Protein backbone atom coordinates (compact mmCIF):
# COMPACT_ATOMS: atom_id res chain seq x y z
CA MET A 1 164.97 -101.80 -16.37
CA THR A 2 165.35 -105.47 -17.33
CA GLU A 3 166.83 -106.88 -20.53
CA ALA A 4 163.33 -107.70 -21.77
CA THR A 5 162.16 -104.09 -21.41
CA ALA A 6 165.39 -102.32 -22.40
CA PRO A 7 165.65 -100.72 -25.86
CA ALA A 8 167.55 -102.67 -28.50
CA LEU A 9 170.21 -99.94 -28.60
CA GLU A 10 171.01 -96.94 -26.45
CA ILE A 11 173.64 -94.43 -27.55
CA ASP A 12 174.37 -91.84 -24.88
CA GLY A 13 176.85 -88.99 -25.27
CA VAL A 14 179.23 -90.88 -27.55
CA SER A 15 182.21 -89.00 -28.96
CA HIS A 16 185.20 -90.28 -30.91
CA SER A 17 188.27 -88.75 -32.51
CA TYR A 18 191.01 -89.85 -34.86
CA GLY A 19 193.94 -87.90 -33.51
CA THR A 20 192.86 -84.27 -33.68
CA ARG A 21 189.91 -84.94 -36.04
CA ARG A 22 186.57 -85.29 -34.29
CA ALA A 23 184.50 -88.02 -35.98
CA LEU A 24 181.58 -88.13 -33.50
CA SER A 25 180.48 -85.44 -31.07
CA ASP A 26 178.10 -86.17 -28.18
CA VAL A 27 175.89 -88.56 -30.19
CA SER A 28 172.74 -89.76 -28.41
CA PHE A 29 169.70 -91.71 -29.63
CA THR A 30 167.72 -94.88 -28.97
CA VAL A 31 166.54 -97.74 -31.21
CA GLU A 32 163.47 -99.53 -29.89
CA ARG A 33 162.71 -103.20 -30.48
CA GLY A 34 160.57 -103.92 -33.49
CA ARG A 35 161.50 -100.58 -35.07
CA PHE A 36 163.42 -99.75 -38.24
CA ALA A 37 165.64 -96.75 -37.54
CA ALA A 38 167.46 -95.13 -40.46
CA LEU A 39 170.81 -93.53 -39.61
CA LEU A 40 170.76 -91.01 -42.44
CA GLY A 41 173.89 -89.15 -43.46
CA VAL A 42 176.18 -88.49 -46.38
CA ASN A 43 179.49 -90.32 -46.71
CA GLY A 44 181.83 -89.14 -43.96
CA ALA A 45 179.03 -88.25 -41.54
CA GLY A 46 180.32 -90.72 -38.94
CA LYS A 47 177.98 -93.65 -39.53
CA THR A 48 180.67 -96.31 -39.93
CA THR A 49 182.64 -94.97 -36.96
CA LEU A 50 179.54 -95.35 -34.81
CA PHE A 51 179.02 -98.92 -36.04
CA ASN A 52 182.64 -99.73 -35.25
CA LEU A 53 182.10 -98.52 -31.68
CA VAL A 54 178.89 -100.51 -31.20
CA THR A 55 180.59 -103.68 -32.47
CA ARG A 56 183.73 -103.06 -30.41
CA LEU A 57 186.00 -102.86 -33.46
CA PHE A 58 186.99 -99.51 -31.96
CA ASP A 59 187.35 -98.86 -28.25
CA MET A 60 184.90 -96.29 -26.94
CA ARG A 61 186.53 -93.32 -25.23
CA ALA A 62 183.56 -91.16 -24.26
CA GLY A 63 179.90 -91.93 -23.65
CA ARG A 64 177.87 -95.11 -23.17
CA ILE A 65 176.51 -97.74 -25.55
CA ARG A 66 174.07 -100.42 -24.40
CA VAL A 67 172.62 -103.33 -26.38
CA CYS A 68 169.46 -104.64 -24.69
CA GLY A 69 170.64 -102.98 -21.48
CA HIS A 70 174.13 -104.51 -21.60
CA SER A 71 177.06 -102.11 -21.70
CA VAL A 72 179.33 -102.64 -24.70
CA ARG A 73 182.27 -101.51 -22.57
CA ASP A 74 181.51 -103.29 -19.27
CA ALA A 75 179.70 -106.42 -20.50
CA PRO A 76 180.86 -106.87 -24.11
CA THR A 77 180.12 -110.60 -24.28
CA ASP A 78 176.48 -110.11 -23.29
CA ALA A 79 176.08 -107.07 -25.55
CA LEU A 80 177.65 -108.59 -28.66
CA ALA A 81 175.73 -111.87 -28.23
CA ARG A 82 172.52 -109.93 -28.91
CA LEU A 83 173.87 -108.27 -32.03
CA GLY A 84 173.70 -109.13 -35.74
CA VAL A 85 175.79 -107.12 -38.22
CA VAL A 86 175.93 -106.58 -41.98
CA PHE A 87 178.95 -104.46 -42.92
CA GLN A 88 179.56 -102.66 -46.22
CA SER A 89 182.13 -105.23 -47.31
CA ARG A 90 180.92 -108.69 -48.30
CA ALA A 91 181.35 -111.30 -45.55
CA LEU A 92 180.23 -114.60 -47.11
CA ASP A 93 182.81 -117.01 -48.56
CA ALA A 94 182.14 -117.03 -52.31
CA ASN A 95 183.65 -120.52 -52.68
CA LEU A 96 181.21 -122.09 -50.21
CA THR A 97 177.50 -122.74 -50.56
CA ILE A 98 174.96 -120.74 -48.58
CA ALA A 99 174.42 -123.80 -46.38
CA GLN A 100 178.15 -124.14 -45.69
CA ASN A 101 178.40 -120.45 -44.82
CA ILE A 102 175.43 -120.86 -42.47
CA VAL A 103 176.98 -123.88 -40.72
CA TYR A 104 180.30 -122.05 -40.27
CA HIS A 105 178.63 -118.92 -38.88
CA GLY A 106 176.45 -121.04 -36.59
CA ALA A 107 179.51 -122.80 -35.19
CA LEU A 108 180.95 -119.41 -34.20
CA HIS A 109 177.82 -118.94 -32.09
CA GLY A 110 177.98 -122.42 -30.57
CA MET A 111 175.16 -123.80 -32.71
CA ARG A 112 175.04 -127.45 -33.78
CA ARG A 113 175.07 -128.12 -37.52
CA SER A 114 171.46 -129.35 -37.55
CA GLU A 115 170.29 -126.35 -35.51
CA ALA A 116 172.10 -123.88 -37.78
CA LEU A 117 170.73 -125.47 -40.95
CA PHE A 118 167.17 -125.52 -39.63
CA ARG A 119 167.28 -121.88 -38.59
CA GLY A 120 169.10 -121.00 -41.81
CA ARG A 121 166.42 -122.55 -43.99
CA VAL A 122 163.70 -120.65 -42.15
CA LEU A 123 165.55 -117.36 -42.64
CA MET A 124 166.43 -118.05 -46.28
CA GLU A 125 162.76 -118.71 -46.92
CA ARG A 126 161.97 -115.25 -45.55
CA VAL A 127 164.42 -113.63 -47.99
CA ARG A 128 163.32 -115.86 -50.87
CA LEU A 129 166.54 -117.87 -51.14
CA SER A 130 165.51 -121.26 -49.75
CA ASP A 131 165.98 -122.84 -53.19
CA ARG A 132 169.60 -121.60 -53.35
CA MET A 133 170.89 -123.16 -50.10
CA ASN A 134 173.19 -125.57 -51.96
CA ASP A 135 174.47 -123.02 -54.49
CA LYS A 136 177.86 -121.41 -54.08
CA VAL A 137 177.71 -117.78 -53.04
CA GLY A 138 179.83 -116.86 -56.05
CA GLU A 139 176.95 -117.96 -58.30
CA LEU A 140 174.48 -115.49 -56.77
CA SER A 141 173.66 -111.96 -57.88
CA GLY A 142 174.76 -109.03 -55.75
CA GLY A 143 171.27 -108.56 -54.35
CA GLN A 144 170.96 -112.25 -53.50
CA VAL A 145 174.31 -112.18 -51.69
CA ARG A 146 173.15 -109.25 -49.60
CA ARG A 147 169.88 -110.97 -48.72
CA ALA A 148 171.81 -114.08 -47.71
CA GLU A 149 174.11 -111.97 -45.52
CA ILE A 150 171.15 -110.36 -43.78
CA ALA A 151 169.61 -113.78 -43.14
CA ARG A 152 172.93 -115.07 -41.82
CA ALA A 153 173.20 -112.10 -39.46
CA MET A 154 169.84 -113.17 -38.02
CA LEU A 155 170.98 -116.75 -37.41
CA SER A 156 171.63 -116.34 -33.68
CA SER A 157 168.28 -114.57 -33.13
CA PRO A 158 169.76 -111.18 -32.25
CA SER A 159 167.75 -108.39 -30.68
CA LEU A 160 169.56 -105.70 -32.71
CA LEU A 161 170.53 -105.76 -36.38
CA LEU A 162 173.09 -103.27 -37.67
CA CYS A 163 173.26 -102.70 -41.44
CA ASP A 164 175.98 -100.35 -42.68
CA GLU A 165 175.21 -99.20 -46.25
CA ALA A 166 174.00 -102.75 -46.93
CA THR A 167 172.71 -101.96 -50.43
CA VAL A 168 175.82 -100.23 -51.78
CA GLY A 169 176.40 -101.00 -55.45
CA LEU A 170 172.96 -102.55 -56.05
CA ASP A 171 170.25 -101.49 -58.51
CA VAL A 172 167.07 -99.73 -57.41
CA MET A 173 164.88 -102.85 -57.48
CA SER A 174 167.37 -104.94 -55.49
CA ARG A 175 167.66 -102.18 -52.91
CA ALA A 176 163.90 -101.93 -52.55
CA ASP A 177 163.59 -105.71 -52.09
CA ILE A 178 166.25 -105.76 -49.38
CA VAL A 179 164.74 -102.81 -47.49
CA ALA A 180 161.36 -104.58 -47.57
CA ASP A 181 162.93 -107.80 -46.28
CA VAL A 182 164.57 -106.02 -43.35
CA HIS A 183 161.38 -104.18 -42.43
CA ARG A 184 159.56 -107.50 -42.39
CA LEU A 185 162.24 -109.14 -40.24
CA ALA A 186 162.10 -106.26 -37.77
CA ALA A 187 158.36 -106.71 -37.34
CA GLU A 188 158.26 -110.52 -37.32
CA GLU A 189 161.31 -111.05 -35.10
CA ARG A 190 160.67 -107.92 -32.97
CA ILE A 191 164.23 -106.74 -33.40
CA GLY A 192 165.57 -103.23 -33.51
CA VAL A 193 167.24 -102.30 -36.80
CA LEU A 194 169.78 -99.52 -37.25
CA TRP A 195 170.06 -99.02 -41.01
CA ALA A 196 172.88 -96.67 -42.04
CA THR A 197 172.33 -95.09 -45.44
CA HIS A 198 172.81 -91.95 -47.50
CA LEU A 199 169.84 -92.82 -49.73
CA ILE A 200 166.55 -91.06 -48.98
CA ASP A 201 164.48 -93.62 -50.89
CA GLU A 202 165.50 -96.37 -48.45
CA VAL A 203 163.56 -94.63 -45.67
CA ARG A 204 159.85 -95.47 -45.44
CA PRO A 205 156.95 -93.51 -43.94
CA GLY A 206 156.69 -94.35 -40.25
CA ASP A 207 160.39 -95.22 -39.87
CA ASP A 208 162.46 -93.65 -37.14
CA VAL A 209 165.23 -91.41 -38.46
CA ILE A 210 168.48 -90.14 -37.00
CA VAL A 211 170.08 -87.45 -39.14
CA LEU A 212 173.86 -87.54 -38.63
CA HIS A 213 176.07 -84.88 -40.16
CA GLU A 214 179.72 -84.12 -39.52
CA GLY A 215 179.64 -86.37 -36.48
CA SER A 216 176.66 -84.71 -34.79
CA VAL A 217 172.99 -85.66 -34.55
CA ARG A 218 170.98 -82.94 -36.27
CA ALA A 219 167.52 -84.44 -35.73
CA THR A 220 165.73 -87.55 -34.42
CA GLY A 221 162.13 -88.64 -34.81
CA THR A 222 159.82 -90.37 -37.22
CA VAL A 223 159.93 -89.53 -40.92
CA GLU A 224 156.77 -87.48 -40.51
CA GLU A 225 158.13 -85.54 -37.53
CA ILE A 226 161.35 -84.64 -39.31
CA ALA A 227 160.02 -84.17 -42.83
CA GLY A 228 156.93 -82.09 -42.07
CA ASP A 229 155.16 -80.81 -45.17
CA ALA A 230 158.37 -80.25 -47.13
CA GLY A 231 159.37 -83.91 -47.40
CA LEU A 232 162.38 -85.78 -46.04
CA ASP A 233 164.76 -84.80 -48.84
CA ALA A 234 164.12 -81.10 -48.29
CA ALA A 235 164.35 -81.50 -44.52
CA PHE A 236 167.67 -83.33 -44.86
CA ARG A 237 169.12 -80.54 -47.01
CA ARG A 238 167.88 -77.93 -44.54
CA LEU A 239 169.39 -79.77 -41.56
CA THR A 240 172.76 -80.51 -43.14
CA GLY A 241 173.25 -78.30 -46.14
CA ALA A 242 174.07 -81.52 -47.98
CA GLU A 243 172.58 -83.28 -50.98
CA ALA A 244 171.17 -86.72 -50.15
CA ALA A 245 170.86 -89.22 -52.99
CA ALA A 246 167.40 -90.41 -53.96
């Protein structure tokens, strides 16, 4: 399998513990290119731990993780170069403009200023922020900041976008706008998206879903395959015994 034909993300038998507490247990799933995959689980399910392993913030002790066919453990430079990330915590400098944040992030990826600004403008247009390029991030609303962060994560043209509870603290309309933006980016850029959330209403018909609970994968498949006639919310409660927010 070549890089061009490899899935955006392959998780194979990944386990992780904090001392004696098992956070992940034999987790396996795949995210294909051009697909939006929702990693659905309540707080404490293990979603952030998994993201920390994929991004190498934590060292993997058991299992295999590949980004576009590149092992995160054996070829981390190649794997991470194909990765864009939006963490729960805000990452943009509030005292700088969007353009300045874009230039700084581009420099970290070896991009010239002109190249970063050109790509940045294209991406900000896609998230409806092209007219705010010269505004300081601190002047933007919470939803606008998140959209700018997602666009910035796409600056280096990654093949995989990780979003860890990217809409936390936002109102319903802002969340819906951001989910729509990311779906559109996945289709237009043909990237795989792993979208970690505990909110059922952020999952759309046709999306791929991985239900994670207490560190274990309880189900994988499309929304329709998992939900059946009962609906995704009911299926989630049946699989986990937990209450997912709507």
